[in-house]
Amino acid sequence: MLLEETRSWTLSDIARELSAETERFRNTAPKTAPDFQVSLGSISKAIASLEEQLWIRRRGTSLIVPEPQRLLQQWAEKYRERYRWRLRSSFQTNNPFGRDLAQINQALEAIITTPYAFSGAIAAADAPFVDIDQVEVFILAGSDDRKLRELQNKPDVGPKFRFTYPYDEGVFMYSRCVGDARLTSSIQAYLDLFARGGRDFKQAEYLLENVIQPRWGST
């Protein structure tokens, strides 16, 4: 949240924003939706940890992120360290629906009964990727994945699917809709591209320089 909008925040501001983002998500996802709200105590502990590591600075009762790019890159390094471990809570299947996002989403809507979001290369709509070798999809824990796993028995006509149960529901924060398809935020897409490395790392850098950094302005 601090990287999505780099302005001055108070603890109460943060709590209100988490509540507002939860409401926004639920208004756009009528199915069972995640709750992004946490206690003021948890917010305070997270802020104290960031302050101890000098990633945030206090101005009276307000907080700012003086170097958002450094904070994001530090987060991306930590995220990558845990990426392979998180793959154990994922599964891969064939893709019988092709390469078009709208077409893929329309087919998945008939299968997945809970909110889901595309991440990685397919979510980096502003990056000029040449090819997508995997379609990454976050699904909520408790989703009935039987029908998704059955896709492995279908003809493979597009980049394979990787369905992942995220480590927490925060990956859905600030997600956005392109048509009827829900994409993760640019920051979450950056983290997933950075973690995969290789060609995806170049797309992560493009996303950072051309989409994320311009929103930060002179912060």
Protein backbone atom coordinates (compact mmCIF):
# COMPACT_ATOMS: atom_id res chain seq x y z
CA MET A 1 0.00 0.00 0.00
CA LEU A 2 2.85 2.41 0.85
CA LEU A 3 4.30 1.79 -2.62
CA GLU A 4 1.01 2.01 -4.46
CA GLU A 5 0.52 5.61 -3.31
CA THR A 6 3.65 7.30 -2.00
CA ARG A 7 2.16 10.04 0.13
CA SER A 8 2.22 10.82 3.84
CA TRP A 9 0.32 8.26 5.90
CA THR A 10 -0.76 7.95 9.52
CA LEU A 11 -1.64 4.64 11.16
CA SER A 12 -5.31 5.61 11.00
CA ASP A 13 -4.95 6.48 7.29
CA ILE A 14 -3.51 3.03 6.64
CA ALA A 15 -6.33 1.29 8.52
CA ARG A 16 -8.94 3.30 6.60
CA GLU A 17 -7.24 2.56 3.28
CA LEU A 18 -7.20 -1.19 3.98
CA SER A 19 -10.90 -1.03 4.79
CA ALA A 20 -11.63 1.01 1.64
CA GLU A 21 -9.64 -1.38 -0.54
CA THR A 22 -11.52 -4.34 0.91
CA GLU A 23 -14.81 -2.64 0.07
CA ARG A 24 -13.63 -1.72 -3.42
CA PHE A 25 -12.62 -5.31 -4.15
CA ARG A 26 -15.92 -6.67 -2.90
CA ASN A 27 -17.84 -4.22 -5.07
CA THR A 28 -16.03 -5.49 -8.17
CA ALA A 29 -15.93 -9.17 -7.15
CA PRO A 30 -19.40 -10.24 -5.99
CA LYS A 31 -18.16 -13.74 -5.15
CA THR A 32 -16.55 -14.49 -1.78
CA ALA A 33 -13.77 -11.90 -1.51
CA PRO A 34 -10.68 -11.51 0.69
CA ASP A 35 -10.49 -9.09 3.61
CA PHE A 36 -7.37 -6.91 3.61
CA GLN A 37 -8.01 -5.34 7.02
CA VAL A 38 -5.63 -5.94 9.93
CA SER A 39 -5.52 -4.59 13.47
CA LEU A 40 -3.87 -1.28 14.37
CA GLY A 41 -1.43 -3.31 16.46
CA SER A 42 -0.34 -5.32 13.41
CA ILE A 43 0.01 -2.14 11.36
CA SER A 44 2.13 -0.58 14.11
CA LYS A 45 4.43 -3.61 14.26
CA ALA A 46 4.93 -3.60 10.48
CA ILE A 47 5.67 0.14 10.50
CA ALA A 48 8.13 -0.27 13.39
CA SER A 49 10.00 -2.97 11.46
CA LEU A 50 10.20 -0.81 8.33
CA GLU A 51 11.33 2.17 10.36
CA GLU A 52 14.03 0.13 12.09
CA GLN A 53 15.38 -0.85 8.66
CA LEU A 54 15.24 2.82 7.56
CA TRP A 55 12.73 2.11 4.78
CA ILE A 56 10.28 4.68 6.09
CA ARG A 57 10.69 8.06 7.77
CA ARG A 58 8.50 9.91 10.24
CA ARG A 59 7.31 13.49 9.85
CA GLY A 60 5.57 14.18 13.11
CA THR A 61 2.72 11.67 13.25
CA SER A 62 2.96 10.92 9.53
CA LEU A 63 5.04 8.37 7.62
CA ILE A 64 6.66 8.57 4.21
CA VAL A 65 8.72 6.24 2.04
CA PRO A 66 11.76 8.33 1.06
CA GLU A 67 13.13 5.82 -1.48
CA PRO A 68 10.27 3.72 -2.85
CA GLN A 69 12.39 2.10 -5.58
CA ARG A 70 14.92 0.78 -3.06
CA LEU A 71 12.13 -0.54 -0.85
CA LEU A 72 10.44 -2.30 -3.77
CA GLN A 73 13.69 -3.87 -4.94
CA GLN A 74 14.50 -5.07 -1.42
CA TRP A 75 11.03 -6.60 -1.22
CA ALA A 76 11.52 -8.21 -4.64
CA GLU A 77 14.75 -9.86 -3.49
CA LYS A 78 13.01 -11.33 -0.43
CA TYR A 79 10.05 -12.36 -2.56
CA ARG A 80 12.34 -14.20 -4.98
CA GLU A 81 14.03 -16.09 -2.13
CA ARG A 82 10.68 -17.59 -1.18
CA TYR A 83 9.32 -18.00 -4.70
CA ARG A 84 10.40 -21.60 -5.24
CA TRP A 85 9.00 -22.56 -1.85
CA ARG A 86 5.66 -21.01 -2.80
CA LEU A 87 5.58 -23.04 -6.01
CA ARG A 88 4.87 -26.05 -3.83
CA SER A 89 1.42 -24.57 -3.26
CA SER A 90 0.80 -24.35 -7.00
CA PHE A 91 0.05 -26.69 -9.87
CA GLN A 92 0.55 -26.51 -13.62
CA THR A 93 -1.88 -27.60 -16.34
CA ASN A 94 -2.31 -27.52 -20.09
CA ASN A 95 -4.03 -24.53 -21.65
CA PRO A 96 -6.82 -25.47 -24.08
CA PHE A 97 -8.07 -21.88 -24.42
CA GLY A 98 -5.38 -20.16 -26.49
CA ARG A 99 -3.39 -16.95 -25.90
CA ASP A 100 -6.04 -14.21 -25.79
CA LEU A 101 -6.62 -12.88 -22.26
CA ALA A 102 -10.35 -12.26 -22.76
CA GLN A 103 -10.87 -15.74 -24.18
CA ILE A 104 -8.87 -17.38 -21.39
CA ASN A 105 -10.74 -15.42 -18.73
CA GLN A 106 -14.14 -16.26 -20.15
CA ALA A 107 -13.30 -19.98 -20.02
CA LEU A 108 -11.89 -19.81 -16.47
CA GLU A 109 -14.92 -17.88 -15.20
CA ALA A 110 -17.00 -20.98 -15.90
CA ILE A 111 -14.63 -23.12 -13.81
CA ILE A 112 -13.40 -21.01 -10.86
CA THR A 113 -16.09 -20.13 -8.33
CA THR A 114 -14.00 -17.74 -6.18
CA PRO A 115 -12.10 -14.55 -7.10
CA TYR A 116 -8.86 -15.03 -9.04
CA ALA A 117 -6.32 -12.75 -10.68
CA PHE A 118 -3.77 -13.01 -13.48
CA SER A 119 -0.19 -12.06 -12.63
CA GLY A 120 3.26 -12.19 -14.20
CA ALA A 121 3.74 -11.46 -17.88
CA ILE A 122 0.08 -11.58 -18.85
CA ALA A 123 -0.69 -8.94 -16.18
CA ALA A 124 2.06 -6.63 -17.43
CA ALA A 125 -0.23 -5.20 -20.07
CA ASP A 126 1.99 -2.12 -20.47
CA ALA A 127 5.18 -4.10 -21.10
CA PRO A 128 6.11 -5.06 -24.69
CA PHE A 129 6.68 -8.76 -23.99
CA VAL A 130 7.44 -10.80 -27.09
CA ASP A 131 6.02 -14.04 -25.81
CA ILE A 132 4.25 -15.45 -22.76
CA ASP A 133 5.45 -18.92 -21.86
CA GLN A 134 3.22 -19.29 -18.78
CA VAL A 135 -0.09 -17.82 -17.63
CA GLU A 136 0.09 -17.24 -13.88
CA VAL A 137 -3.18 -17.20 -11.94
CA PHE A 138 -3.67 -16.61 -8.21
CA ILE A 139 -6.63 -18.50 -6.76
CA LEU A 140 -8.00 -18.37 -3.23
CA ALA A 141 -7.41 -21.19 -0.78
CA GLY A 142 -10.50 -23.33 -0.59
CA SER A 143 -11.18 -23.10 -4.31
CA ASP A 144 -12.43 -26.33 -5.83
CA ASP A 145 -9.46 -27.01 -8.10
CA ARG A 146 -10.61 -30.40 -9.40
CA LYS A 147 -11.89 -28.99 -12.70
CA LEU A 148 -8.74 -26.89 -13.07
CA ARG A 149 -6.52 -29.92 -12.62
CA GLU A 150 -8.55 -31.74 -15.28
CA LEU A 151 -7.27 -29.19 -17.82
CA GLN A 152 -4.07 -31.26 -17.86
CA ASN A 153 -5.99 -33.82 -19.92
CA LYS A 154 -7.10 -31.25 -22.51
CA PRO A 155 -5.25 -30.33 -25.73
CA ASP A 156 -2.50 -27.75 -25.13
CA VAL A 157 -3.00 -24.79 -27.49
CA GLY A 158 -1.48 -21.92 -25.48
CA PRO A 159 1.11 -21.16 -22.80
CA LYS A 160 0.64 -23.46 -19.82
CA PHE A 161 -1.30 -22.38 -16.75
CA ARG A 162 0.29 -22.04 -13.31
CA PHE A 163 -2.38 -21.84 -10.60
CA THR A 164 -1.04 -20.66 -7.24
CA TYR A 165 -2.55 -20.38 -3.78
CA PRO A 166 -0.88 -17.15 -2.56
CA TYR A 167 0.91 -16.87 0.79
CA ASP A 168 -1.66 -14.24 1.78
CA GLU A 169 -4.60 -12.49 0.18
CA GLY A 170 -2.69 -9.23 -0.16
CA VAL A 171 -1.70 -10.26 -3.69
CA PHE A 172 -5.21 -9.20 -4.72
CA MET A 173 -4.85 -5.65 -3.39
CA TYR A 174 -5.14 -2.90 -6.01
CA SER A 175 -5.95 -5.47 -8.68
CA ARG A 176 -7.51 -3.96 -11.77
CA CYS A 177 -9.89 -5.13 -14.45
CA VAL A 178 -9.14 -5.18 -18.17
CA GLY A 179 -12.47 -5.98 -19.72
CA ASP A 180 -13.81 -8.75 -17.48
CA ALA A 181 -10.35 -10.10 -16.58
CA ARG A 182 -8.84 -9.21 -13.19
CA LEU A 183 -5.10 -8.48 -13.21
CA THR A 184 -2.90 -8.03 -10.18
CA SER A 185 -1.49 -4.58 -9.46
CA SER A 186 1.58 -3.48 -11.39
CA ILE A 187 3.63 -3.88 -8.21
CA GLN A 188 2.50 -7.48 -7.69
CA ALA A 189 3.12 -8.26 -11.36
CA TYR A 190 6.61 -6.76 -10.95
CA LEU A 191 7.33 -9.03 -7.96
CA ASP A 192 6.27 -12.15 -9.84
CA LEU A 193 8.23 -11.24 -12.98
CA PHE A 194 11.32 -10.38 -10.92
CA ALA A 195 11.10 -13.70 -9.09
CA ARG A 196 10.98 -15.74 -12.28
CA GLY A 197 14.05 -13.99 -13.70
CA GLY A 198 15.43 -14.52 -17.20
CA ARG A 199 13.36 -12.86 -19.90
CA ASP A 200 10.70 -12.00 -17.32
CA PHE A 201 13.25 -9.91 -15.41
CA LYS A 202 13.51 -7.58 -18.41
CA GLN A 203 9.74 -7.16 -18.39
CA ALA A 204 9.88 -6.42 -14.66
CA GLU A 205 12.41 -3.66 -15.29
CA TYR A 206 10.26 -2.20 -18.07
CA LEU A 207 7.23 -2.25 -15.79
CA LEU A 208 9.18 -0.49 -13.04
CA GLU A 209 10.62 2.23 -15.27
CA ASN A 210 7.57 2.95 -17.41
CA VAL A 211 4.56 2.24 -15.22
CA ILE A 212 5.44 2.20 -11.53
CA GLN A 213 8.11 4.90 -11.21
CA PRO A 214 6.12 7.59 -13.10
CA ARG A 215 3.33 7.21 -10.51
CA TRP A 216 5.82 7.98 -7.73
CA GLY A 217 6.70 11.33 -9.29
CA SER A 218 9.39 13.21 -7.37
CA THR A 219 8.87 11.28 -4.11
